[in-house]
Amino acid sequence: MLDRLSLSAAAVCLLFALGAPAAQADISLNNTVTGEPLNLDDAPADGKDVAAFKEFMQTGKNPYLGKPDCLAKGEELFSGACSGCHGHLAEGKIGPGLNDDYWTYPQNTTDKGMFETVFGGASGQMGPMYNSVNVDEMLLVMAWVRHLYVGSPDKAEWLDEGARKTLAKYDGKPAPKPGADAPAECKMGG
């Protein structure tokens, strides 16, 4: 007769043999307004298999931040999906400004918080954006918005301490075009 410990060990081995999914260390995402869990299955599959998005889901940090080769693509996506409400330089129009250090939703000072707002929407006219841009493109847009920042470096919570000290406010220069070695996700149309 097997003891309980042996039965538990046997059950674990059987689960691995049958291909049970491994435990995930993914961050949890919640709706900015209601706090309810967000379901990534609501969004199309596009962008979910990109390395940068997978990294974001593990760390909650946007891998595109500070990558000049990705800014032009982020700008292009922002212009098409966001600027009508938030202004061409995220200065605010119908929707709030996104380029200063005042946040309608304080959790947007983190990459995870901003992603939750973009993915799940907010109050007012801001609906979920997953049918306008894919989940990886959301990260590119967020990198562009962070690039436009003109607020106090001390309030740029999405950056680590060292990056805050060297943060330069947006200077109005156009985004550089992606170089030949830019990630495929950062390449411009065509």
N, C-alpha and C. Protein backbone atom coordinates (compact mmCIF):
# COMPACT_ATOMS: atom_id res chain seq x y z
N MET A 1 0.84 -1.18 0.00
CA MET A 1 0.00 0.00 0.00
C MET A 1 0.89 1.25 0.00
N LEU A 2 0.58 2.19 -0.87
CA LEU A 2 1.37 3.42 -0.98
C LEU A 2 0.95 4.42 0.09
N ASP A 3 1.91 5.12 0.66
CA ASP A 3 1.57 6.17 1.61
C ASP A 3 1.20 7.45 0.85
N ARG A 4 0.67 8.42 1.57
CA ARG A 4 0.19 9.66 0.93
C ARG A 4 1.30 10.42 0.21
N LEU A 5 2.49 10.46 0.76
CA LEU A 5 3.61 11.15 0.14
C LEU A 5 3.94 10.51 -1.20
N SER A 6 3.95 9.20 -1.23
CA SER A 6 4.23 8.50 -2.49
C SER A 6 3.15 8.77 -3.52
N LEU A 7 1.89 8.81 -3.07
CA LEU A 7 0.79 9.11 -3.99
C LEU A 7 0.93 10.52 -4.55
N SER A 8 1.28 11.49 -3.69
CA SER A 8 1.45 12.87 -4.15
C SER A 8 2.57 12.97 -5.16
N ALA A 9 3.69 12.32 -4.87
CA ALA A 9 4.82 12.34 -5.80
C ALA A 9 4.44 11.68 -7.12
N ALA A 10 3.69 10.60 -7.04
CA ALA A 10 3.25 9.92 -8.26
C ALA A 10 2.33 10.82 -9.06
N ALA A 11 1.45 11.55 -8.40
CA ALA A 11 0.53 12.45 -9.10
C ALA A 11 1.29 13.57 -9.82
N VAL A 12 2.30 14.13 -9.15
CA VAL A 12 3.11 15.19 -9.76
C VAL A 12 3.82 14.65 -11.00
N CYS A 13 4.42 13.48 -10.88
CA CYS A 13 5.11 12.87 -12.02
C CYS A 13 4.15 12.62 -13.17
N LEU A 14 2.94 12.16 -12.86
CA LEU A 14 1.94 11.91 -13.90
C LEU A 14 1.56 13.21 -14.61
N LEU A 15 1.39 14.30 -13.85
CA LEU A 15 1.05 15.59 -14.47
C LEU A 15 2.14 16.04 -15.44
N PHE A 16 3.41 15.92 -15.03
CA PHE A 16 4.49 16.31 -15.93
C PHE A 16 4.54 15.41 -17.15
N ALA A 17 4.30 14.12 -16.96
CA ALA A 17 4.31 13.18 -18.07
C ALA A 17 3.20 13.48 -19.06
N LEU A 18 2.07 13.97 -18.57
CA LEU A 18 0.94 14.30 -19.44
C LEU A 18 1.06 15.70 -20.04
N GLY A 19 2.10 16.42 -19.68
CA GLY A 19 2.32 17.75 -20.26
C GLY A 19 1.54 18.85 -19.57
N ALA A 20 1.36 18.75 -18.28
CA ALA A 20 0.68 19.81 -17.55
C ALA A 20 1.46 21.11 -17.72
N PRO A 21 0.77 22.23 -17.85
CA PRO A 21 1.48 23.50 -18.05
C PRO A 21 2.32 23.84 -16.83
N ALA A 22 3.49 24.41 -17.11
CA ALA A 22 4.38 24.83 -16.04
C ALA A 22 3.80 26.06 -15.36
N ALA A 23 4.13 26.24 -14.12
CA ALA A 23 3.68 27.43 -13.40
C ALA A 23 4.25 28.66 -14.10
N GLN A 24 3.44 29.70 -14.19
CA GLN A 24 3.88 30.92 -14.86
C GLN A 24 4.21 31.99 -13.84
N ALA A 25 5.21 32.79 -14.15
CA ALA A 25 5.60 33.89 -13.28
C ALA A 25 5.07 35.21 -13.84
N ASP A 26 4.08 35.12 -14.72
CA ASP A 26 3.55 36.33 -15.34
C ASP A 26 3.00 37.31 -14.30
N ILE A 27 3.08 38.59 -14.66
CA ILE A 27 2.44 39.62 -13.84
C ILE A 27 0.93 39.46 -13.98
N SER A 28 0.20 39.94 -13.03
CA SER A 28 -1.25 39.95 -13.16
C SER A 28 -1.67 41.34 -13.62
N LEU A 29 -2.67 41.38 -14.46
CA LEU A 29 -3.15 42.65 -15.02
C LEU A 29 -4.59 42.88 -14.57
N ASN A 30 -4.87 44.11 -14.17
CA ASN A 30 -6.20 44.45 -13.69
C ASN A 30 -6.72 45.71 -14.36
N ASN A 31 -8.02 45.78 -14.50
CA ASN A 31 -8.66 46.94 -15.10
C ASN A 31 -8.36 48.17 -14.26
N THR A 32 -7.97 49.25 -14.91
CA THR A 32 -7.60 50.49 -14.25
C THR A 32 -8.72 51.06 -13.39
N VAL A 33 -9.96 50.94 -13.84
CA VAL A 33 -11.08 51.55 -13.14
C VAL A 33 -11.72 50.60 -12.13
N THR A 34 -12.00 49.36 -12.56
CA THR A 34 -12.75 48.43 -11.71
C THR A 34 -11.87 47.53 -10.86
N GLY A 35 -10.61 47.36 -11.26
CA GLY A 35 -9.72 46.45 -10.55
C GLY A 35 -9.91 44.99 -10.92
N GLU A 36 -10.91 44.71 -11.77
CA GLU A 36 -11.15 43.33 -12.18
C GLU A 36 -9.99 42.83 -13.03
N PRO A 37 -9.71 41.52 -12.97
CA PRO A 37 -8.63 40.96 -13.79
C PRO A 37 -8.90 41.19 -15.28
N LEU A 38 -7.85 41.52 -16.02
CA LEU A 38 -7.94 41.65 -17.47
C LEU A 38 -7.65 40.29 -18.08
N ASN A 39 -8.30 40.00 -19.19
CA ASN A 39 -8.12 38.73 -19.87
C ASN A 39 -7.44 38.98 -21.21
N LEU A 40 -6.19 38.59 -21.32
CA LEU A 40 -5.45 38.79 -22.57
C LEU A 40 -6.07 38.02 -23.73
N ASP A 41 -6.87 37.00 -23.42
CA ASP A 41 -7.55 36.25 -24.48
C ASP A 41 -8.59 37.10 -25.20
N ASP A 42 -8.97 38.24 -24.62
CA ASP A 42 -9.90 39.15 -25.30
C ASP A 42 -9.28 39.76 -26.54
N ALA A 43 -7.96 39.86 -26.56
CA ALA A 43 -7.23 40.49 -27.66
C ALA A 43 -6.87 39.44 -28.71
N PRO A 44 -6.74 39.87 -29.97
CA PRO A 44 -6.25 38.96 -31.00
C PRO A 44 -4.86 38.43 -30.64
N ALA A 45 -4.46 37.34 -31.27
CA ALA A 45 -3.18 36.68 -30.97
C ALA A 45 -1.97 37.50 -31.41
N ASP A 46 -2.14 38.40 -32.37
CA ASP A 46 -1.02 39.19 -32.88
C ASP A 46 -0.27 39.86 -31.75
N GLY A 47 1.05 39.75 -31.79
CA GLY A 47 1.91 40.43 -30.82
C GLY A 47 2.20 39.65 -29.56
N LYS A 48 1.40 38.64 -29.26
CA LYS A 48 1.60 37.89 -28.01
C LYS A 48 2.84 37.00 -28.04
N ASP A 49 3.29 36.66 -29.24
CA ASP A 49 4.46 35.77 -29.35
C ASP A 49 5.77 36.54 -29.51
N VAL A 50 5.74 37.86 -29.45
CA VAL A 50 6.94 38.69 -29.61
C VAL A 50 7.75 38.67 -28.32
N ALA A 51 9.06 38.54 -28.44
CA ALA A 51 9.94 38.44 -27.27
C ALA A 51 9.76 39.61 -26.31
N ALA A 52 9.62 40.83 -26.81
CA ALA A 52 9.48 42.00 -25.93
C ALA A 52 8.20 41.91 -25.10
N PHE A 53 7.10 41.46 -25.71
CA PHE A 53 5.86 41.33 -24.96
C PHE A 53 5.97 40.23 -23.91
N LYS A 54 6.60 39.13 -24.28
CA LYS A 54 6.79 38.04 -23.31
C LYS A 54 7.63 38.52 -22.13
N GLU A 55 8.67 39.30 -22.41
CA GLU A 55 9.50 39.85 -21.34
C GLU A 55 8.68 40.78 -20.46
N PHE A 56 7.87 41.64 -21.07
CA PHE A 56 7.02 42.54 -20.30
C PHE A 56 6.10 41.75 -19.37
N MET A 57 5.53 40.67 -19.87
CA MET A 57 4.62 39.88 -19.05
C MET A 57 5.33 39.19 -17.89
N GLN A 58 6.62 39.04 -17.97
CA GLN A 58 7.39 38.47 -16.87
C GLN A 58 7.82 39.53 -15.86
N THR A 59 8.17 40.72 -16.36
CA THR A 59 8.81 41.73 -15.50
C THR A 59 7.93 42.94 -15.18
N GLY A 60 6.94 43.22 -16.03
CA GLY A 60 6.16 44.44 -15.87
C GLY A 60 6.88 45.68 -16.36
N LYS A 61 8.04 45.51 -16.98
CA LYS A 61 8.84 46.62 -17.51
C LYS A 61 8.81 46.58 -19.03
N ASN A 62 8.72 47.74 -19.65
CA ASN A 62 8.63 47.84 -21.10
C ASN A 62 10.03 47.74 -21.72
N PRO A 63 10.31 46.66 -22.44
CA PRO A 63 11.64 46.49 -23.03
C PRO A 63 11.97 47.49 -24.14
N TYR A 64 10.99 48.19 -24.67
CA TYR A 64 11.23 49.16 -25.74
C TYR A 64 11.67 50.53 -25.22
N LEU A 65 11.55 50.77 -23.92
CA LEU A 65 11.95 52.07 -23.37
C LEU A 65 13.42 52.33 -23.65
N GLY A 66 13.73 53.53 -24.11
CA GLY A 66 15.11 53.93 -24.33
C GLY A 66 15.75 53.32 -25.56
N LYS A 67 14.97 52.72 -26.44
CA LYS A 67 15.50 52.14 -27.68
C LYS A 67 15.15 53.07 -28.84
N PRO A 68 16.07 53.91 -29.27
CA PRO A 68 15.79 54.88 -30.33
C PRO A 68 15.25 54.24 -31.61
N ASP A 69 15.70 53.02 -31.93
CA ASP A 69 15.23 52.36 -33.15
C ASP A 69 13.74 52.05 -33.13
N CYS A 70 13.13 52.10 -31.97
CA CYS A 70 11.71 51.74 -31.85
C CYS A 70 10.79 52.96 -31.74
N LEU A 71 11.36 54.15 -31.60
CA LEU A 71 10.55 55.34 -31.40
C LEU A 71 9.68 55.70 -32.59
N ALA A 72 10.22 55.60 -33.79
CA ALA A 72 9.44 56.00 -34.98
C ALA A 72 8.22 55.12 -35.15
N LYS A 73 8.36 53.84 -34.90
CA LYS A 73 7.21 52.93 -35.00
C LYS A 73 6.19 53.26 -33.91
N GLY A 74 6.65 53.54 -32.70
CA GLY A 74 5.75 53.96 -31.63
C GLY A 74 5.01 55.24 -31.97
N GLU A 75 5.74 56.19 -32.58
CA GLU A 75 5.12 57.46 -32.99
C GLU A 75 4.05 57.21 -34.05
N GLU A 76 4.37 56.38 -35.02
CA GLU A 76 3.42 56.06 -36.10
C GLU A 76 2.14 55.44 -35.52
N LEU A 77 2.29 54.50 -34.61
CA LEU A 77 1.13 53.84 -34.00
C LEU A 77 0.34 54.83 -33.14
N PHE A 78 1.03 55.66 -32.36
CA PHE A 78 0.38 56.66 -31.52
C PHE A 78 -0.41 57.63 -32.39
N SER A 79 0.18 58.07 -33.50
CA SER A 79 -0.49 59.03 -34.37
C SER A 79 -1.80 58.46 -34.92
N GLY A 80 -1.79 57.18 -35.24
CA GLY A 80 -2.98 56.56 -35.80
C GLY A 80 -4.04 56.18 -34.79
N ALA A 81 -3.64 55.81 -33.58
CA ALA A 81 -4.60 55.27 -32.62
C ALA A 81 -4.89 56.18 -31.43
N CYS A 82 -4.02 57.14 -31.13
CA CYS A 82 -4.12 57.86 -29.86
C CYS A 82 -4.17 59.38 -29.97
N SER A 83 -3.52 59.93 -30.99
CA SER A 83 -3.33 61.39 -31.03
C SER A 83 -4.63 62.16 -31.21
N GLY A 84 -5.64 61.54 -31.79
CA GLY A 84 -6.93 62.23 -31.95
C GLY A 84 -7.51 62.69 -30.63
N CYS A 85 -7.29 61.92 -29.58
CA CYS A 85 -7.79 62.28 -28.25
C CYS A 85 -6.71 62.89 -27.35
N HIS A 86 -5.49 62.39 -27.46
CA HIS A 86 -4.44 62.81 -26.53
C HIS A 86 -3.50 63.87 -27.10
N GLY A 87 -3.70 64.30 -28.36
CA GLY A 87 -2.84 65.30 -28.98
C GLY A 87 -1.63 64.68 -29.64
N HIS A 88 -1.08 65.37 -30.63
CA HIS A 88 0.04 64.82 -31.42
C HIS A 88 1.29 64.58 -30.57
N LEU A 89 1.48 65.37 -29.54
CA LEU A 89 2.63 65.20 -28.66
C LEU A 89 2.19 64.77 -27.26
N ALA A 90 1.01 64.13 -27.19
CA ALA A 90 0.45 63.64 -25.93
C ALA A 90 0.20 64.76 -24.93
N GLU A 91 -0.01 65.98 -25.45
CA GLU A 91 -0.23 67.14 -24.59
C GLU A 91 -1.66 67.22 -24.07
N GLY A 92 -2.55 66.41 -24.62
CA GLY A 92 -3.95 66.40 -24.20
C GLY A 92 -4.84 67.15 -25.17
N LYS A 93 -6.02 66.64 -25.38
CA LYS A 93 -7.06 67.26 -26.21
C LYS A 93 -8.38 66.88 -25.54
N ILE A 94 -9.11 65.97 -26.18
CA ILE A 94 -10.32 65.44 -25.57
C ILE A 94 -9.94 64.58 -24.37
N GLY A 95 -8.89 63.79 -24.54
CA GLY A 95 -8.36 62.97 -23.46
C GLY A 95 -7.25 63.71 -22.73
N PRO A 96 -6.85 63.20 -21.58
CA PRO A 96 -5.83 63.90 -20.79
C PRO A 96 -4.45 63.89 -21.44
N GLY A 97 -3.62 64.83 -21.04
CA GLY A 97 -2.23 64.84 -21.45
C GLY A 97 -1.51 63.63 -20.86
N LEU A 98 -0.56 63.14 -21.61
CA LEU A 98 0.21 61.96 -21.18
C LEU A 98 1.70 62.26 -21.09
N ASN A 99 2.09 63.50 -21.40
CA ASN A 99 3.52 63.81 -21.48
C ASN A 99 4.06 64.57 -20.27
N ASP A 100 3.22 64.80 -19.26
CA ASP A 100 3.69 65.53 -18.09
C ASP A 100 3.69 64.62 -16.86
N ASP A 101 3.84 65.19 -15.68
CA ASP A 101 3.91 64.36 -14.49
C ASP A 101 2.61 64.32 -13.69
N TYR A 102 1.50 64.72 -14.31
CA TYR A 102 0.19 64.54 -13.69
C TYR A 102 -0.49 63.36 -14.36
N TRP A 103 -0.94 62.39 -13.59
CA TRP A 103 -1.61 61.22 -14.13
C TRP A 103 -3.02 61.12 -13.57
N THR A 104 -4.00 61.07 -14.47
CA THR A 104 -5.38 60.85 -14.06
C THR A 104 -5.46 59.58 -13.23
N TYR A 105 -4.73 58.56 -13.66
CA TYR A 105 -4.65 57.29 -12.94
C TYR A 105 -3.20 57.13 -12.47
N PRO A 106 -2.95 57.32 -11.19
CA PRO A 106 -1.57 57.29 -10.69
C PRO A 106 -0.79 56.02 -11.05
N GLN A 107 -1.47 54.89 -11.23
CA GLN A 107 -0.75 53.66 -11.58
C GLN A 107 -0.08 53.75 -12.95
N ASN A 108 -0.44 54.75 -13.75
CA ASN A 108 0.18 54.91 -15.06
C ASN A 108 1.63 55.40 -14.97
N THR A 109 2.11 55.66 -13.75
CA THR A 109 3.52 55.99 -13.58
C THR A 109 4.39 54.74 -13.74
N THR A 110 3.77 53.57 -13.79
CA THR A 110 4.51 52.32 -14.04
C THR A 110 4.13 51.80 -15.42
N ASP A 111 5.01 51.01 -16.01
CA ASP A 111 4.70 50.42 -17.31
C ASP A 111 3.51 49.48 -17.21
N LYS A 112 3.46 48.69 -16.15
CA LYS A 112 2.34 47.77 -15.95
C LYS A 112 1.02 48.54 -15.87
N GLY A 113 1.01 49.63 -15.10
CA GLY A 113 -0.20 50.42 -14.94
C GLY A 113 -0.64 51.06 -16.25
N MET A 114 0.31 51.60 -17.00
CA MET A 114 -0.06 52.21 -18.28
C MET A 114 -0.59 51.15 -19.25
N PHE A 115 0.04 49.98 -19.27
CA PHE A 115 -0.44 48.91 -20.14
C PHE A 115 -1.87 48.52 -19.76
N GLU A 116 -2.15 48.43 -18.47
CA GLU A 116 -3.51 48.08 -18.03
C GLU A 116 -4.53 49.09 -18.54
N THR A 117 -4.17 50.37 -18.52
CA THR A 117 -5.08 51.40 -19.00
C THR A 117 -5.27 51.31 -20.51
N VAL A 118 -4.19 51.13 -21.24
CA VAL A 118 -4.28 51.04 -22.70
C VAL A 118 -5.05 49.78 -23.10
N PHE A 119 -4.72 48.66 -22.50
CA PHE A 119 -5.37 47.40 -22.86
C PHE A 119 -6.84 47.39 -22.46
N GLY A 120 -7.14 47.76 -21.21
CA GLY A 120 -8.49 47.62 -20.69
C GLY A 120 -9.36 48.85 -20.76
N GLY A 121 -8.79 49.99 -21.12
CA GLY A 121 -9.56 51.23 -21.19
C GLY A 121 -9.63 51.92 -19.84
N ALA A 122 -10.31 53.05 -19.84
CA ALA A 122 -10.45 53.87 -18.63
C ALA A 122 -11.86 54.45 -18.63
N SER A 123 -12.12 55.41 -17.75
CA SER A 123 -13.45 56.01 -17.75
C SER A 123 -13.56 57.02 -18.88
N GLY A 124 -14.75 57.49 -19.11
CA GLY A 124 -14.98 58.42 -20.22
C GLY A 124 -14.99 57.69 -21.54
N GLN A 125 -14.35 58.27 -22.53
CA GLN A 125 -14.39 57.71 -23.88
C GLN A 125 -13.26 56.73 -24.17
N MET A 126 -12.37 56.49 -23.23
CA MET A 126 -11.22 55.62 -23.46
C MET A 126 -11.64 54.16 -23.31
N GLY A 127 -11.87 53.52 -24.45
CA GLY A 127 -12.20 52.10 -24.43
C GLY A 127 -10.95 51.26 -24.55
N PRO A 128 -11.10 49.94 -24.42
CA PRO A 128 -9.96 49.05 -24.61
C PRO A 128 -9.35 49.25 -26.01
N MET A 129 -8.04 49.23 -26.09
CA MET A 129 -7.36 49.51 -27.36
C MET A 129 -6.86 48.25 -28.08
N TYR A 130 -7.16 47.06 -27.57
CA TYR A 130 -6.61 45.85 -28.17
C TYR A 130 -7.15 45.52 -29.55
N ASN A 131 -8.18 46.19 -29.99
CA ASN A 131 -8.64 45.99 -31.37
C ASN A 131 -8.06 47.05 -32.31
N SER A 132 -7.35 48.02 -31.76
CA SER A 132 -6.71 49.07 -32.57
C SER A 132 -5.23 48.80 -32.78
N VAL A 133 -4.56 48.35 -31.74
CA VAL A 133 -3.14 47.99 -31.79
C VAL A 133 -2.98 46.67 -31.03
N ASN A 134 -2.03 45.84 -31.47
CA ASN A 134 -1.85 44.58 -30.76
C ASN A 134 -1.06 44.82 -29.47
N VAL A 135 -0.95 43.78 -28.65
CA VAL A 135 -0.36 43.95 -27.32
C VAL A 135 1.10 44.38 -27.38
N ASP A 136 1.86 43.91 -28.36
CA ASP A 136 3.25 44.35 -28.48
C ASP A 136 3.31 45.79 -28.98
N GLU A 137 2.42 46.15 -29.89
CA GLU A 137 2.38 47.54 -30.37
C GLU A 137 2.01 48.50 -29.25
N MET A 138 1.22 48.04 -28.28
CA MET A 138 0.92 48.89 -27.12
C MET A 138 2.20 49.29 -26.41
N LEU A 139 3.14 48.37 -26.30
CA LEU A 139 4.42 48.67 -25.66
C LEU A 139 5.21 49.69 -26.47
N LEU A 140 5.16 49.60 -27.79
CA LEU A 140 5.83 50.58 -28.66
C LEU A 140 5.22 51.97 -28.47
N VAL A 141 3.90 52.03 -28.42
CA VAL A 141 3.20 53.30 -28.19
C VAL A 141 3.61 53.87 -26.83
N MET A 142 3.64 53.01 -25.82
CA MET A 142 4.02 53.47 -24.48
C MET A 142 5.44 54.01 -24.46
N ALA A 143 6.35 53.39 -25.21
CA ALA A 143 7.73 53.89 -25.27
C ALA A 143 7.76 55.28 -25.90
N TRP A 144 6.93 55.50 -26.92
CA TRP A 144 6.86 56.82 -27.55
C TRP A 144 6.31 57.85 -26.56
N VAL A 145 5.24 57.49 -25.85
CA VAL A 145 4.66 58.41 -24.87
C VAL A 145 5.69 58.76 -23.80
N ARG A 146 6.43 57.79 -23.32
CA ARG A 146 7.46 58.07 -22.31
C ARG A 146 8.55 58.97 -22.88
N HIS A 147 8.85 58.82 -24.17
CA HIS A 147 9.85 59.65 -24.83
C HIS A 147 9.40 61.12 -24.87
N LEU A 148 8.10 61.34 -24.96
CA LEU A 148 7.54 62.69 -25.04
C LEU A 148 7.51 63.41 -23.68
N TYR A 149 7.91 62.76 -22.64
CA TYR A 149 7.78 63.27 -21.28
C TYR A 149 8.51 64.60 -21.08
N VAL A 150 7.79 65.56 -20.48
CA VAL A 150 8.36 66.88 -20.18
C VAL A 150 8.25 67.21 -18.69
N GLY A 151 7.80 66.24 -17.89
CA GLY A 151 7.63 66.46 -16.46
C GLY A 151 8.94 66.33 -15.70
N SER A 152 8.81 66.36 -14.40
CA SER A 152 9.97 66.26 -13.51
C SER A 152 10.58 64.85 -13.59
N PRO A 153 11.89 64.76 -13.77
CA PRO A 153 12.53 63.44 -13.78
C PRO A 153 12.28 62.65 -12.50
N ASP A 154 12.16 63.35 -11.37
CA ASP A 154 11.91 62.67 -10.09
C ASP A 154 10.59 61.90 -10.09
N LYS A 155 9.67 62.30 -10.94
CA LYS A 155 8.35 61.65 -10.98
C LYS A 155 8.24 60.61 -12.09
N ALA A 156 9.32 60.33 -12.77
CA ALA A 156 9.33 59.33 -13.84
C ALA A 156 9.55 57.94 -13.22
N GLU A 157 8.55 57.47 -12.49
CA GLU A 157 8.67 56.23 -11.72
C GLU A 157 8.91 54.99 -12.57
N TRP A 158 8.62 55.05 -13.86
CA TRP A 158 8.83 53.89 -14.72
C TRP A 158 10.32 53.64 -14.97
N LEU A 159 11.15 54.61 -14.62
CA LEU A 159 12.59 54.48 -14.81
C LEU A 159 13.27 54.11 -13.50
N ASP A 160 14.41 53.41 -13.61
CA ASP A 160 15.18 53.16 -12.40
C ASP A 160 15.89 54.45 -12.00
N GLU A 161 16.45 54.46 -10.81
CA GLU A 161 17.07 55.67 -10.24
C GLU A 161 18.11 56.29 -11.17
N GLY A 162 18.99 55.47 -11.74
CA GLY A 162 20.04 55.99 -12.62
C GLY A 162 19.48 56.65 -13.87
N ALA A 163 18.47 56.04 -14.47
CA ALA A 163 17.87 56.60 -15.67
C ALA A 163 17.13 57.90 -15.36
N ARG A 164 16.54 58.00 -14.18
CA ARG A 164 15.87 59.26 -13.80
C ARG A 164 16.86 60.41 -13.74
N LYS A 165 18.06 60.13 -13.27
CA LYS A 165 19.08 61.18 -13.14
C LYS A 165 19.54 61.72 -14.48
N THR A 166 19.47 60.89 -15.52
CA THR A 166 19.95 61.31 -16.84
C THR A 166 18.81 61.61 -17.81
N LEU A 167 17.58 61.56 -17.34
CA LEU A 167 16.43 61.79 -18.21
C LEU A 167 16.44 63.21 -18.76
N ALA A 168 16.38 63.30 -20.08
CA ALA A 168 16.27 64.60 -20.74
C ALA A 168 14.82 64.79 -21.18
N LYS A 169 14.29 65.97 -20.94
CA LYS A 169 12.92 66.25 -21.37
C LYS A 169 12.85 66.22 -22.90
N TYR A 170 11.67 65.89 -23.40
CA TYR A 170 11.45 65.82 -24.84
C TYR A 170 11.84 67.14 -25.48
N ASP A 171 12.64 67.06 -26.55
CA ASP A 171 13.19 68.25 -27.19
C ASP A 171 12.49 68.63 -28.50
N GLY A 172 11.45 67.93 -28.87
CA GLY A 172 10.70 68.26 -30.08
C GLY A 172 11.28 67.69 -31.36
N LYS A 173 12.42 67.04 -31.28
CA LYS A 173 13.02 66.46 -32.49
C LYS A 173 12.24 65.24 -32.94
N PRO A 174 12.17 65.03 -34.26
CA PRO A 174 11.46 63.84 -34.75
C PRO A 174 12.18 62.56 -34.32
N ALA A 175 11.42 61.51 -34.22
CA ALA A 175 11.98 60.21 -33.85
C ALA A 175 12.93 59.74 -34.95
N PRO A 176 14.07 59.16 -34.56
CA PRO A 176 14.99 58.62 -35.58
C PRO A 176 14.36 57.41 -36.27
N LYS A 177 14.67 57.24 -37.52
CA LYS A 177 14.18 56.07 -38.25
C LYS A 177 14.94 54.84 -37.76
N PRO A 178 14.29 53.68 -37.77
CA PRO A 178 14.96 52.46 -37.30
C PRO A 178 16.18 52.12 -38.15
N GLY A 179 17.23 51.67 -37.50
CA GLY A 179 18.43 51.24 -38.20
C GLY A 179 18.25 49.84 -38.78
N ALA A 180 19.21 49.42 -39.55
CA ALA A 180 19.15 48.11 -40.19
C ALA A 180 19.08 46.97 -39.19
N ASP A 181 19.65 47.16 -38.00
CA ASP A 181 19.65 46.10 -37.00
C ASP A 181 18.54 46.25 -35.97
N ALA A 182 17.55 47.11 -36.24
CA ALA A 182 16.42 47.29 -35.33
C ALA A 182 15.60 46.01 -35.26
N PRO A 183 14.97 45.75 -34.12
CA PRO A 183 14.07 44.59 -34.04
C PRO A 183 12.99 44.67 -35.11
N ALA A 184 12.56 43.53 -35.61
CA ALA A 184 11.56 43.49 -36.69
C ALA A 184 10.29 44.26 -36.30
N GLU A 185 9.91 44.21 -35.03
CA GLU A 185 8.70 44.89 -34.57
C GLU A 185 8.83 46.40 -34.65
N CYS A 186 10.05 46.91 -34.75
CA CYS A 186 10.28 48.35 -34.77
C CYS A 186 10.46 48.90 -36.18
N LYS A 187 10.48 48.03 -37.16
CA LYS A 187 10.65 48.46 -38.57
C LYS A 187 9.38 49.18 -39.01
N MET A 188 9.58 50.12 -39.90
CA MET A 188 8.46 50.91 -40.41
C MET A 188 7.80 50.19 -41.58
N GLY A 189 6.51 50.49 -41.81
CA GLY A 189 5.69 49.91 -42.88
C GLY A 189 6.44 49.45 -44.12
N GLY A 190 5.73 48.88 -45.02
CA GLY A 190 6.33 48.49 -46.28
C GLY A 190 6.62 47.11 -46.33
